[in-house]
Structures are given as structure tokens and as C-alpha cells.
Amino acid sequence: MANPLVHEAANIGVPIKFFLTPELMPDHATVTQLQTLAQARGLVHHVAVLPDVHRKSRNMSPTGTVVAAREMILPCAVDTGICCGMRMVKTEINARDLTAPMLDALFAELQRTIPVLEHEHEPISKEDAAEILVQGGTWSQKHFGLEEEEMSAHEERATMPTDSDDSATILAALPDKTIKKARRSFGTLGDGNHFLELQEVVEVLEPELAQRLGLRLGQAMFMLHTGSRSVGSKMMKGFLEEHEERFLAENNGAAIWSMPSASSIAKSYARAVAAASNFGFANRIAITAQVRAAVRKVLREASLRLPLLYDCAHVSIKLEEWRGEKLWIHRHGASRALPPSLCGEHPVFAHTGQPVPIPGSMGHASFIGVADEGASESFCSVNHGAGRVLDKPEAEAQFTAAEVEAEMRAKNIRLYRYGSDNIAEQAPSSFKDISQVIRAMQALRLAKPVVRLRPVAVLKG
């Protein structure tokens, strides 16, 4: 097992541990951001930097980082897209059996039933929206008739823990327009880097683990990437606008400021984060219901099974136990990843480790892995994908939408679009080499890659 590269210097706060190989070391500007993050008040142990680390112009903290704080919450340590996350859905279908006309019909049905930004008319009531925000998983299990096996394949069973079980207390922490936004955006995909991708398992790397997880060569799978949509982002941005000036002053002007978790403001913020997370989980569950219905309709097989492999967030702030301590774990572009020793009595994951999605880009391979024991060093976290080498504005300046579409056709990958944004920002060449990222994850025992998948068809904004 390789050891993380540790960066320690005077006056930078906690150490910075790079869980990556030398070829993936970030540039000077990103390291400078990491040094700023390491000085934030309340952090303990170290900053965990994962193999997909990269800067985004809109954030002060790099994506692909995890920090732990004792009795402190750091809102600016993560992106505002709370519970942006991914799920992996298996099928009984052989990918090669899906013809071009079948794919066209399937993705037409998906576009018809899954809006990109919001519904024209609200698909859920005010009462349902409120219940989702308080108990996302519980409402979803009841509403969609989900079995226990599926619920156990969600991080926290799709309901984030809070300090209160009282619905009124949690809802009181949310802005007035939250219910309205939730009703319109429930079951929507979103644009930007969000996607719904049909993939084929083209290589089995760990046969025994693959068998336990129900993965096989040639199998068609869906990988979904979306989150709490405008519900989470508007809520978090509103909080920053309202409180940033005060906390900047209390933190001596530190850009990545913290607030005591026992304070009334921090408690309210944590409840809002949990509510947004619950909505994000329920949103992915709702989209999965539409995927299942579309596949069964197009293939004319009502009994076709599409079981969930796993669903996890990669933007989160929550109180967790780490090596006997209660700490606020902040994951920014990092999936929670429990190794086998921490999966309790789960009938599958206690033997395999928690499944983790490792997407490449829409033009390159993706992987499904399982958390390895080394993930405990990074606060039980792994990278959420390949990571970018070009920020979105840089990609838009370097590529055109026509070039991206031509590249996808040349690779025989069907690209379906809503036309809501510029696909150039998602150009495959703007992402890191996924094989380098996988090698780093293996070398540091963060995760074991189980299968490699190729993209067959992609739905994007």
C-alpha cells in the first residue's frame, strides 16, 4: 500500500494529505487554495485531497477534498449544490441487444417524463414536498413502494440525520420559497455536468466481487448524476448572502470561515443542509422510477427488474463518527465510502465494501468500485469521478458544441440533449485520464475497481 503525500509547512494549519500519485499532483494555484482551506478555524487531523482534485472558478475550496471539524461547521468548504450525488442502477438486459431504434425510443421517453429544469405543473403537493424535506427516504419508500433491500443501498437510507426529529423545527430552518421550488423541481435531471447514462460492462476486474454485487460482462446499467437542484443551491447561497459578512468578521476575514456547531445559526444551517440532502436523494429515487417505467414500456416487459446497486452524495456536511470521535465531515466532490469493516451486518457490503461510482466523462470509460480499508484514512471518502483538467469556461473557450457532438458520433456513443446549455463545457478532453485516477485509488487502497463500463448513450442538458 502506498502512503499519501503529506504537505506540512509553518502557519498552514492542519497537514494536507494528497491521496494521489505524483502524476496527479494539482497545480500551484490549487495548492494555494488547499493551504487556505487548511488554515480554517476548527479543522482537525488533516485535509484529505483525492485523485480527482481540481479548481472551479466559483468555489474557494477545490473539488475533491474532505475536511473534518470539531464542533465547527464550514459552509464554504463545500459547493452549494448539496447532495449532488450519483446512483448506479443494474438491469437484466444485455447492452448489445439494444438497437439504435430502441435507444432512440427509450431516450425519447426519458426526455418526455424527466424534465431537465422544472415541471410545467407541480407533480407533488405542498404536503408531500414538506415531508420529503423532512424524511426523504421514508416518504420515498412509502410513495414508490421500495423494498428494504433497496433502502439499505442508500447512504443513510436516503434521510440525513439531524439534531431534531420535529418536522416544524426542520421546516422552520428553510426559506419561505423552498416548498414551491421543491414542487417544481422534483424528479428533474438538471443541466451542466448532470447526466443520465446507459453503460455496458465491458471488463470484469474482480470476478468474485462482481458476482456478489450482481454485475456481469455485457450487462446494461444506468448511472445517474444529479442532486437537490435549485432547492439546495438557492438555500445555501441565500444563507451565505445573509450571514457571510458577520462570520467573515468573526473569523478575522478568513475566506473559508467557520461557525460553532452549537450556535442557533449553525443548528438551523445543519437542518437546512439535511433537508436539501433529503430532497436530493428523493429526486434521484423519483428519476429512477421514471427510468424503470420507460425501460419496461419501450421493451414491453412489465416485470423487468432494474435493482439499485447504490446511491451516495458527493457534496455533504454531516456529523459522523470517525475513529471514535464525533466530527463534522465536509465532503466536496467526494463520495462517502465505507470499507467492509464498517458496513455492519449488511448482507453484501460487509463482504465487498460499499459500492462507489467512478465516472470518467461522457466520451470515456467509467468504473464501479468498492471502498477499500485505506478509505478510512480519508475520512471514509473516495473521489467522485475523474475530475477536470479544464474549468467549464476554459472548456467552452477551447471546444465547440459541434466538435463534442462529432466526437461522440465517432465513438459510437448516442448523445441525447434537452438543449438547455452549452455541451462544449462537458467536452471529454476537459477531464482527467480516468485510468490514472483508478491507479491512484488502488495504490492507496481507497477503492478496488470491480468493473469497467463504456458509455452507450448519454442524456445531457
Protein backbone atom coordinates (compact mmCIF):
# COMPACT_ATOMS: atom_id res chain seq x y z
CA MET A 1 0.00 0.00 0.00
CA ALA A 2 1.36 3.42 -0.98
CA ASN A 3 1.26 6.28 1.51
CA PRO A 4 -0.38 9.66 0.90
CA LEU A 5 1.93 12.55 0.06
CA VAL A 6 1.90 14.86 3.09
CA HIS A 7 2.36 18.61 2.79
CA GLU A 8 3.24 20.34 6.05
CA ALA A 9 4.60 23.85 6.44
CA ALA A 10 4.64 26.57 9.05
CA ASN A 11 1.42 28.54 9.51
CA ILE A 12 -0.77 26.46 7.18
CA GLY A 13 -2.94 24.87 9.86
CA VAL A 14 -3.63 21.15 9.63
CA PRO A 15 -1.47 18.96 7.34
CA ILE A 16 -2.56 18.43 3.74
CA LYS A 17 -2.56 14.77 2.70
CA PHE A 18 -2.59 14.06 -1.02
CA PHE A 19 -4.26 10.70 -1.67
CA LEU A 20 -2.94 10.53 -5.21
CA THR A 21 0.11 9.67 -7.28
CA PRO A 22 2.74 12.24 -8.34
CA GLU A 23 1.30 12.42 -11.88
CA LEU A 24 -1.98 13.75 -10.44
CA MET A 25 -0.50 16.46 -8.20
CA PRO A 26 -2.53 19.68 -8.57
CA ASP A 27 -1.06 22.93 -9.86
CA HIS A 28 0.29 25.74 -7.71
CA ALA A 29 -2.96 27.71 -7.69
CA THR A 30 -4.88 24.68 -6.40
CA VAL A 31 -2.27 24.00 -3.72
CA THR A 32 -2.60 27.64 -2.63
CA GLN A 33 -6.35 27.12 -2.24
CA LEU A 34 -5.66 23.98 -0.22
CA GLN A 35 -3.34 25.89 2.07
CA THR A 36 -6.07 28.46 2.67
CA LEU A 37 -8.51 25.66 3.45
CA ALA A 38 -6.05 24.04 5.86
CA GLN A 39 -5.96 27.23 7.95
CA ALA A 40 -9.72 27.31 8.54
CA ARG A 41 -10.77 27.53 12.16
CA GLY A 42 -11.93 24.30 13.72
CA LEU A 43 -10.33 21.78 11.35
CA VAL A 44 -8.65 18.73 12.88
CA HIS A 45 -6.38 15.93 11.68
CA HIS A 46 -5.75 16.83 8.00
CA VAL A 47 -7.16 17.97 4.68
CA ALA A 48 -7.75 14.87 2.52
CA VAL A 49 -7.05 15.58 -1.16
CA LEU A 50 -8.40 12.94 -3.55
CA PRO A 51 -7.17 11.90 -7.02
CA ASP A 52 -9.77 13.96 -8.91
CA VAL A 53 -8.88 17.24 -7.15
CA HIS A 54 -9.43 20.34 -9.30
CA ARG A 55 -10.31 24.00 -9.03
CA LYS A 56 -13.58 25.59 -10.08
CA SER A 57 -13.76 29.33 -10.53
CA ARG A 58 -16.95 29.66 -8.48
CA ASN A 59 -15.58 27.94 -5.35
CA MET A 60 -12.95 28.92 -2.80
CA SER A 61 -12.21 25.29 -1.93
CA PRO A 62 -11.10 22.76 -4.57
CA THR A 63 -13.36 19.91 -5.60
CA GLY A 64 -12.09 16.52 -4.47
CA THR A 65 -11.39 17.46 -0.85
CA VAL A 66 -12.60 16.27 2.54
CA VAL A 67 -12.12 18.03 5.88
CA ALA A 68 -13.17 17.23 9.42
CA ALA A 69 -14.04 19.82 12.05
CA ARG A 70 -14.58 19.51 15.78
CA GLU A 71 -17.67 21.44 16.93
CA MET A 72 -17.44 23.71 13.88
CA ILE A 73 -19.24 23.91 10.52
CA LEU A 74 -17.60 25.46 7.44
CA PRO A 75 -20.24 26.30 4.79
CA CYS A 76 -17.66 27.49 2.23
CA ALA A 77 -15.69 24.23 2.41
CA VAL A 78 -18.18 22.62 0.03
CA ASP A 79 -20.14 23.57 -3.08
CA THR A 80 -23.65 24.98 -2.69
CA GLY A 81 -25.08 22.01 -4.63
CA ILE A 82 -25.83 19.99 -1.50
CA CYS A 83 -26.46 16.27 -2.10
CA CYS A 84 -25.26 16.39 -5.65
CA GLY A 85 -24.65 12.69 -5.97
CA MET A 86 -24.80 9.53 -8.02
CA ARG A 87 -26.64 6.26 -8.22
CA MET A 88 -25.98 3.04 -10.08
CA VAL A 89 -28.91 1.00 -11.37
CA LYS A 90 -28.47 -2.55 -12.69
CA THR A 91 -30.57 -4.20 -15.38
CA GLU A 92 -31.21 -7.72 -16.65
CA ILE A 93 -30.57 -6.50 -20.19
CA ASN A 94 -27.62 -7.26 -22.45
CA ALA A 95 -26.43 -3.90 -23.74
CA ARG A 96 -25.73 -5.29 -27.22
CA ASP A 97 -29.40 -6.26 -27.56
CA LEU A 98 -30.43 -2.59 -27.51
CA THR A 99 -30.67 -1.45 -31.13
CA ALA A 100 -30.42 2.14 -32.28
CA PRO A 101 -34.21 2.45 -32.77
CA MET A 102 -34.75 1.01 -29.28
CA LEU A 103 -32.32 3.52 -27.77
CA ASP A 104 -33.98 6.38 -29.63
CA ALA A 105 -37.39 5.32 -28.34
CA LEU A 106 -36.10 4.82 -24.80
CA PHE A 107 -34.39 8.18 -24.53
CA ALA A 108 -37.31 9.96 -26.15
CA GLU A 109 -39.49 8.52 -23.39
CA LEU A 110 -36.96 9.56 -20.76
CA GLN A 111 -36.87 13.12 -22.09
CA ARG A 112 -40.67 13.19 -22.11
CA THR A 113 -41.02 12.04 -18.50
CA ILE A 114 -37.91 13.57 -16.86
CA PRO A 115 -37.74 17.38 -17.27
CA VAL A 116 -34.32 18.98 -17.34
CA LEU A 117 -35.00 22.06 -15.17
CA GLU A 118 -38.56 22.10 -13.81
CA HIS A 119 -42.06 20.80 -14.39
CA GLU A 120 -44.71 22.89 -16.07
CA HIS A 121 -47.13 21.79 -13.35
CA GLU A 122 -46.18 20.62 -9.86
CA PRO A 123 -46.11 16.79 -9.68
CA ILE A 124 -46.30 16.72 -5.87
CA SER A 125 -48.41 18.51 -3.27
CA LYS A 126 -47.21 21.01 -0.66
CA GLU A 127 -47.66 18.34 1.99
CA ASP A 128 -45.57 15.83 0.06
CA ALA A 129 -42.82 18.40 -0.57
CA ALA A 130 -42.64 19.18 3.14
CA GLU A 131 -42.49 15.50 4.06
CA ILE A 132 -39.71 14.88 1.52
CA LEU A 133 -37.62 17.70 3.01
CA VAL A 134 -38.01 16.23 6.48
CA GLN A 135 -37.89 12.50 5.71
CA GLY A 136 -36.74 11.95 2.12
CA GLY A 137 -36.16 8.22 2.36
CA THR A 138 -39.19 7.40 4.47
CA TRP A 139 -41.52 9.30 2.13
CA SER A 140 -39.90 7.73 -0.93
CA GLN A 141 -40.15 4.19 0.42
CA LYS A 142 -43.85 4.66 1.08
CA HIS A 143 -44.63 6.57 -2.13
CA PHE A 144 -42.69 4.32 -4.54
CA GLY A 145 -43.16 1.05 -2.66
CA LEU A 146 -39.43 0.42 -2.23
CA GLU A 147 -38.26 -2.83 -0.65
CA GLU A 148 -35.90 -2.98 2.32
CA GLU A 149 -33.08 -4.24 0.09
CA GLU A 150 -33.27 -1.04 -1.94
CA MET A 151 -33.44 1.26 1.08
CA SER A 152 -30.29 -0.33 2.50
CA ALA A 153 -28.49 0.64 -0.72
CA HIS A 154 -28.76 4.38 0.04
CA GLU A 155 -26.37 6.42 2.11
CA GLU A 156 -28.15 6.98 5.45
CA ARG A 157 -31.21 5.25 3.96
CA ALA A 158 -31.82 8.47 1.97
CA THR A 159 -32.62 10.54 5.09
CA MET A 160 -29.81 12.60 6.57
CA PRO A 161 -29.65 12.70 10.38
CA THR A 162 -30.29 15.99 12.22
CA ASP A 163 -30.39 17.16 15.82
CA SER A 164 -34.22 17.26 15.73
CA ASP A 165 -37.00 14.84 14.85
CA ASP A 166 -39.59 17.60 14.86
CA SER A 167 -40.91 18.43 11.38
CA ALA A 168 -41.84 22.00 12.31
CA THR A 169 -38.33 22.68 13.65
CA ILE A 170 -36.67 21.43 10.46
CA LEU A 171 -39.07 23.27 8.14
CA ALA A 172 -38.57 26.48 10.14
CA ALA A 173 -34.92 26.44 9.09
CA LEU A 174 -35.84 26.65 5.39
CA PRO A 175 -36.51 29.77 3.28
CA ASP A 176 -40.15 30.58 2.51
CA LYS A 177 -39.91 29.59 -1.18
CA THR A 178 -38.37 26.17 -0.56
CA ILE A 179 -41.66 24.24 -0.79
CA LYS A 180 -42.56 25.97 -4.05
CA LYS A 181 -39.15 25.21 -5.59
CA ALA A 182 -39.32 21.61 -4.39
CA ARG A 183 -42.69 21.05 -6.04
CA ARG A 184 -41.47 22.29 -9.43
CA SER A 185 -38.02 20.63 -9.45
CA PHE A 186 -38.87 17.21 -8.03
CA GLY A 187 -37.88 14.48 -10.47
CA THR A 188 -35.75 16.72 -12.71
CA LEU A 189 -32.29 15.99 -14.10
CA GLY A 190 -30.62 19.39 -14.26
CA ASP A 191 -28.07 20.57 -16.79
CA GLY A 192 -24.33 21.28 -16.60
CA ASN A 193 -22.42 18.18 -15.53
CA HIS A 194 -25.56 16.26 -14.54
CA PHE A 195 -26.36 13.25 -16.68
CA LEU A 196 -28.22 10.00 -17.14
CA GLU A 197 -26.01 7.48 -18.90
CA LEU A 198 -26.67 3.99 -20.21
CA GLN A 199 -23.49 1.92 -19.95
CA GLU A 200 -22.21 -1.56 -20.78
CA VAL A 201 -19.98 -3.64 -18.52
CA VAL A 202 -17.04 -4.34 -20.83
CA GLU A 203 -14.50 -5.71 -18.34
CA VAL A 204 -14.78 -7.54 -15.03
CA LEU A 205 -11.72 -6.76 -12.90
CA GLU A 206 -12.73 -8.52 -9.67
CA PRO A 207 -14.90 -11.55 -10.57
CA GLU A 208 -15.80 -12.57 -7.02
CA LEU A 209 -16.78 -9.03 -6.00
CA ALA A 210 -18.70 -8.54 -9.25
CA GLN A 211 -20.69 -11.71 -8.63
CA ARG A 212 -21.60 -10.62 -5.11
CA LEU A 213 -22.76 -7.23 -6.45
CA GLY A 214 -24.75 -8.76 -9.31
CA LEU A 215 -22.51 -7.37 -12.06
CA ARG A 216 -21.61 -9.29 -15.21
CA LEU A 217 -19.95 -8.86 -18.58
CA GLY A 218 -22.20 -7.31 -21.24
CA GLN A 219 -24.75 -6.07 -18.72
CA ALA A 220 -26.53 -2.76 -19.36
CA MET A 221 -26.51 -0.32 -16.44
CA PHE A 222 -27.63 3.21 -15.74
CA MET A 223 -25.51 5.81 -13.96
CA LEU A 224 -27.34 8.92 -12.77
CA HIS A 225 -25.76 12.17 -11.60
CA THR A 226 -27.95 14.91 -10.12
CA GLY A 227 -28.86 16.35 -6.74
CA SER A 228 -31.11 18.70 -4.78
CA ARG A 229 -31.38 21.02 -7.77
CA SER A 230 -32.32 24.67 -7.08
CA VAL A 231 -33.76 23.67 -3.70
CA GLY A 232 -30.28 23.10 -2.28
CA SER A 233 -28.31 25.69 -4.23
CA LYS A 234 -30.70 28.59 -3.61
CA MET A 235 -30.97 27.67 0.06
CA MET A 236 -27.19 27.56 0.56
CA LYS A 237 -26.48 30.70 -1.48
CA GLY A 238 -29.16 32.56 0.45
CA PHE A 239 -27.57 31.54 3.74
CA LEU A 240 -24.16 32.78 2.61
CA GLU A 241 -25.56 36.10 1.45
CA GLU A 242 -27.36 36.61 4.75
CA HIS A 243 -24.59 35.60 7.17
CA GLU A 244 -21.24 35.87 5.38
CA GLU A 245 -20.43 39.43 6.48
CA ARG A 246 -20.92 38.55 10.14
CA PHE A 247 -18.84 35.38 10.05
CA LEU A 248 -16.08 36.94 7.96
CA ALA A 249 -15.67 39.45 10.79
CA GLU A 250 -15.76 36.74 13.45
CA ASN A 251 -13.10 34.75 11.55
CA ASN A 252 -10.75 37.71 11.02
CA GLY A 253 -11.61 37.90 7.34
CA ALA A 254 -10.81 34.25 6.57
CA ALA A 255 -12.46 33.40 3.23
CA ILE A 256 -13.33 29.88 4.40
CA TRP A 257 -15.00 30.79 7.65
CA SER A 258 -16.49 28.58 10.33
CA MET A 259 -19.26 28.82 12.91
CA PRO A 260 -19.70 26.94 16.19
CA SER A 261 -21.97 23.95 15.59
CA ALA A 262 -23.76 24.55 18.92
CA SER A 263 -24.90 28.04 17.88
CA SER A 264 -28.51 28.57 16.85
CA ILE A 265 -27.46 29.74 13.36
CA ALA A 266 -25.31 26.66 12.79
CA LYS A 267 -28.06 24.33 14.02
CA SER A 268 -30.50 25.96 11.61
CA TYR A 269 -27.98 25.68 8.78
CA ALA A 270 -27.33 21.98 9.51
CA ARG A 271 -31.07 21.29 9.45
CA ALA A 272 -31.33 23.06 6.09
CA VAL A 273 -28.44 21.00 4.72
CA ALA A 274 -30.15 17.81 5.86
CA ALA A 275 -33.45 18.89 4.28
CA ALA A 276 -31.75 19.68 0.96
CA SER A 277 -29.99 16.32 1.14
CA ASN A 278 -33.27 14.52 1.72
CA PHE A 279 -34.69 16.23 -1.35
CA GLY A 280 -31.63 15.25 -3.39
CA PHE A 281 -31.98 11.57 -2.51
CA ALA A 282 -35.73 11.64 -3.20
CA ASN A 283 -35.10 13.39 -6.52
CA ARG A 284 -32.81 10.58 -7.69
CA ILE A 285 -35.33 7.99 -6.47
CA ALA A 286 -38.09 9.70 -8.49
CA ILE A 287 -35.95 9.77 -11.64
CA THR A 288 -35.15 6.08 -11.16
CA ALA A 289 -38.87 5.33 -11.05
CA GLN A 290 -39.23 7.05 -14.44
CA VAL A 291 -36.22 5.13 -15.83
CA ARG A 292 -37.75 1.82 -14.76
CA ALA A 293 -41.12 2.75 -16.26
CA ALA A 294 -39.54 3.90 -19.53
CA VAL A 295 -37.44 0.75 -19.96
CA ARG A 296 -40.39 -1.54 -19.25
CA LYS A 297 -42.63 0.43 -21.63
CA VAL A 298 -40.17 0.56 -24.55
CA LEU A 299 -39.07 -3.07 -24.16
CA ARG A 300 -42.64 -4.19 -23.43
CA GLU A 301 -41.59 -6.20 -20.39
CA ALA A 302 -43.57 -5.10 -17.36
CA SER A 303 -41.75 -7.47 -14.99
CA LEU A 304 -38.23 -6.38 -15.97
CA ARG A 305 -36.08 -5.75 -12.87
CA LEU A 306 -33.79 -2.72 -12.53
CA PRO A 307 -32.39 -3.04 -9.00
CA LEU A 308 -30.44 -0.27 -7.32
CA LEU A 309 -26.78 -1.01 -6.65
CA TYR A 310 -26.06 2.08 -4.54
CA ASP A 311 -26.80 5.80 -4.14
CA CYS A 312 -24.45 8.25 -2.44
CA ALA A 313 -23.99 12.00 -2.20
CA HIS A 314 -20.70 13.69 -3.01
CA VAL A 315 -21.44 17.14 -1.60
CA SER A 316 -22.32 16.89 2.06
CA ILE A 317 -21.82 18.21 5.58
CA LYS A 318 -22.84 15.93 8.41
CA LEU A 319 -21.88 14.76 11.86
CA GLU A 320 -20.20 11.35 11.71
CA GLU A 321 -18.14 9.15 13.97
CA TRP A 322 -14.57 8.77 12.78
CA ARG A 323 -12.22 6.63 14.85
CA GLY A 324 -14.23 7.18 17.99
CA GLU A 325 -14.69 10.94 17.53
CA LYS A 326 -17.81 12.86 16.58
CA LEU A 327 -16.71 15.18 13.77
CA TRP A 328 -18.38 17.34 11.15
CA ILE A 329 -17.24 15.75 7.89
CA HIS A 330 -17.32 18.11 4.89
CA ARG A 331 -17.15 16.31 1.51
CA HIS A 332 -16.66 18.48 -1.55
CA GLY A 333 -16.80 16.33 -4.65
CA ALA A 334 -16.17 13.19 -2.59
CA SER A 335 -18.39 10.17 -2.01
CA ARG A 336 -18.76 8.59 1.40
CA ALA A 337 -17.13 5.17 1.12
CA LEU A 338 -17.39 2.60 3.90
CA PRO A 339 -14.89 -0.28 3.74
CA PRO A 340 -16.09 -3.80 4.59
CA SER A 341 -15.11 -3.44 8.26
CA LEU A 342 -17.55 -0.52 8.65
CA CYS A 343 -20.52 -1.94 6.72
CA GLY A 344 -22.01 -3.59 9.78
CA GLU A 345 -24.19 -6.60 9.04
CA HIS A 346 -25.18 -5.64 5.51
CA PRO A 347 -25.61 -8.97 3.70
CA VAL A 348 -23.48 -7.90 0.70
CA PHE A 349 -21.43 -4.81 1.55
CA ALA A 350 -19.97 -6.33 4.73
CA HIS A 351 -18.13 -8.69 2.36
CA THR A 352 -17.42 -6.31 -0.51
CA GLY A 353 -17.28 -2.80 0.90
CA GLN A 354 -19.72 -0.09 -0.12
CA PRO A 355 -20.08 0.29 -3.91
CA VAL A 356 -18.75 3.57 -5.31
CA PRO A 357 -19.36 5.11 -8.76
CA ILE A 358 -16.27 6.41 -10.56
CA PRO A 359 -17.45 8.11 -13.75
CA GLY A 360 -14.96 9.21 -16.38
CA SER A 361 -16.53 11.54 -18.93
CA MET A 362 -19.38 11.02 -21.38
CA GLY A 363 -16.80 10.01 -24.00
CA HIS A 364 -14.64 7.74 -21.87
CA ALA A 365 -14.87 4.71 -19.62
CA SER A 366 -16.36 4.72 -16.15
CA PHE A 367 -15.85 2.25 -13.32
CA ILE A 368 -17.76 0.80 -10.42
CA GLY A 369 -15.62 0.06 -7.41
CA VAL A 370 -15.92 -0.84 -3.75
CA ALA A 371 -14.45 1.02 -0.81
CA ASP A 372 -11.21 -0.47 0.49
CA GLU A 373 -9.83 -0.23 4.02
CA GLY A 374 -7.50 2.64 3.09
CA ALA A 375 -10.54 4.89 2.66
CA SER A 376 -10.70 5.26 6.43
CA GLU A 377 -7.59 7.48 6.16
CA SER A 378 -9.56 9.96 4.00
CA PHE A 379 -12.46 10.13 6.48
CA CYS A 380 -14.16 7.21 4.68
CA SER A 381 -14.26 9.06 1.38
CA VAL A 382 -13.27 8.47 -2.24
CA ASN A 383 -13.18 10.69 -5.29
CA HIS A 384 -16.46 11.11 -7.18
CA GLY A 385 -15.03 10.77 -10.67
CA ALA A 386 -12.10 11.58 -12.92
CA GLY A 387 -12.02 15.31 -12.18
CA ARG A 388 -11.47 18.15 -14.58
CA VAL A 389 -8.29 19.47 -16.21
CA LEU A 390 -10.20 22.42 -17.68
CA ASP A 391 -12.76 24.50 -15.82
CA LYS A 392 -16.08 24.95 -17.62
CA PRO A 393 -15.27 28.43 -19.04
CA GLU A 394 -11.90 27.11 -20.27
CA ALA A 395 -13.58 24.14 -21.96
CA GLU A 396 -16.12 26.41 -23.65
CA ALA A 397 -13.27 28.56 -24.99
CA GLN A 398 -11.35 25.57 -26.33
CA PHE A 399 -14.14 23.38 -27.78
CA THR A 400 -17.39 23.87 -29.67
CA ALA A 401 -20.67 22.01 -29.28
CA ALA A 402 -20.31 20.70 -32.84
CA GLU A 403 -16.88 19.26 -32.05
CA VAL A 404 -18.18 17.48 -28.97
CA GLU A 405 -21.14 16.03 -30.87
CA ALA A 406 -18.83 14.86 -33.68
CA GLU A 407 -16.52 13.17 -31.16
CA MET A 408 -19.44 11.31 -29.62
CA ARG A 409 -20.62 10.11 -33.04
CA ALA A 410 -17.10 8.97 -33.90
CA LYS A 411 -17.05 6.88 -30.73
CA ASN A 412 -20.49 5.43 -31.49
CA ILE A 413 -21.97 6.96 -28.33
CA ARG A 414 -25.51 8.25 -28.75
CA LEU A 415 -25.90 11.74 -27.30
CA TYR A 416 -29.41 12.91 -26.42
CA ARG A 417 -29.88 16.53 -25.34
CA TYR A 418 -32.50 18.88 -23.99
CA GLY A 419 -30.57 21.82 -25.47
CA SER A 420 -30.60 23.79 -22.21
CA ASP A 421 -26.87 24.60 -22.04
CA ASN A 422 -23.58 24.53 -23.95
CA ILE A 423 -22.34 20.95 -24.28
CA ALA A 424 -18.84 22.26 -25.01
CA GLU A 425 -18.21 22.70 -21.28
CA GLN A 426 -18.56 18.93 -20.90
CA ALA A 427 -16.07 18.04 -23.65
CA PRO A 428 -14.46 14.66 -22.84
CA SER A 429 -10.96 16.14 -23.20
CA SER A 430 -11.65 18.60 -20.37
CA PHE A 431 -11.48 15.72 -17.86
CA LYS A 432 -8.55 13.79 -16.40
CA ASP A 433 -7.45 10.38 -17.64
CA ILE A 434 -9.67 8.03 -15.63
CA SER A 435 -7.06 5.24 -15.76
CA GLN A 436 -4.58 7.41 -13.83
CA VAL A 437 -7.23 8.14 -11.23
CA ILE A 438 -8.05 4.44 -10.87
CA ARG A 439 -4.38 3.54 -10.41
CA ALA A 440 -4.07 6.10 -7.63
CA MET A 441 -7.19 4.79 -5.87
CA GLN A 442 -5.80 1.27 -6.00
CA ALA A 443 -2.29 2.24 -4.89
CA LEU A 444 -3.63 4.00 -1.80
CA ARG A 445 -6.28 1.34 -1.13
CA LEU A 446 -9.08 3.89 -1.31
CA ALA A 447 -11.13 1.59 -3.51
CA LYS A 448 -10.95 -1.52 -5.67
CA PRO A 449 -12.26 -1.18 -9.23
CA VAL A 450 -14.69 -4.05 -9.86
CA VAL A 451 -15.93 -3.46 -13.42
CA ARG A 452 -15.17 -1.12 -16.30
CA LEU A 453 -18.05 0.32 -18.30
CA ARG A 454 -18.28 2.00 -21.68
CA PRO A 455 -20.88 4.70 -22.42
CA VAL A 456 -23.61 3.56 -24.83
CA ALA A 457 -25.99 6.52 -24.67
CA VAL A 458 -25.98 9.76 -22.70
CA LEU A 459 -28.75 12.18 -21.76
CA LYS A 460 -27.49 15.71 -21.05
CA GLY A 461 -28.85 19.21 -20.68
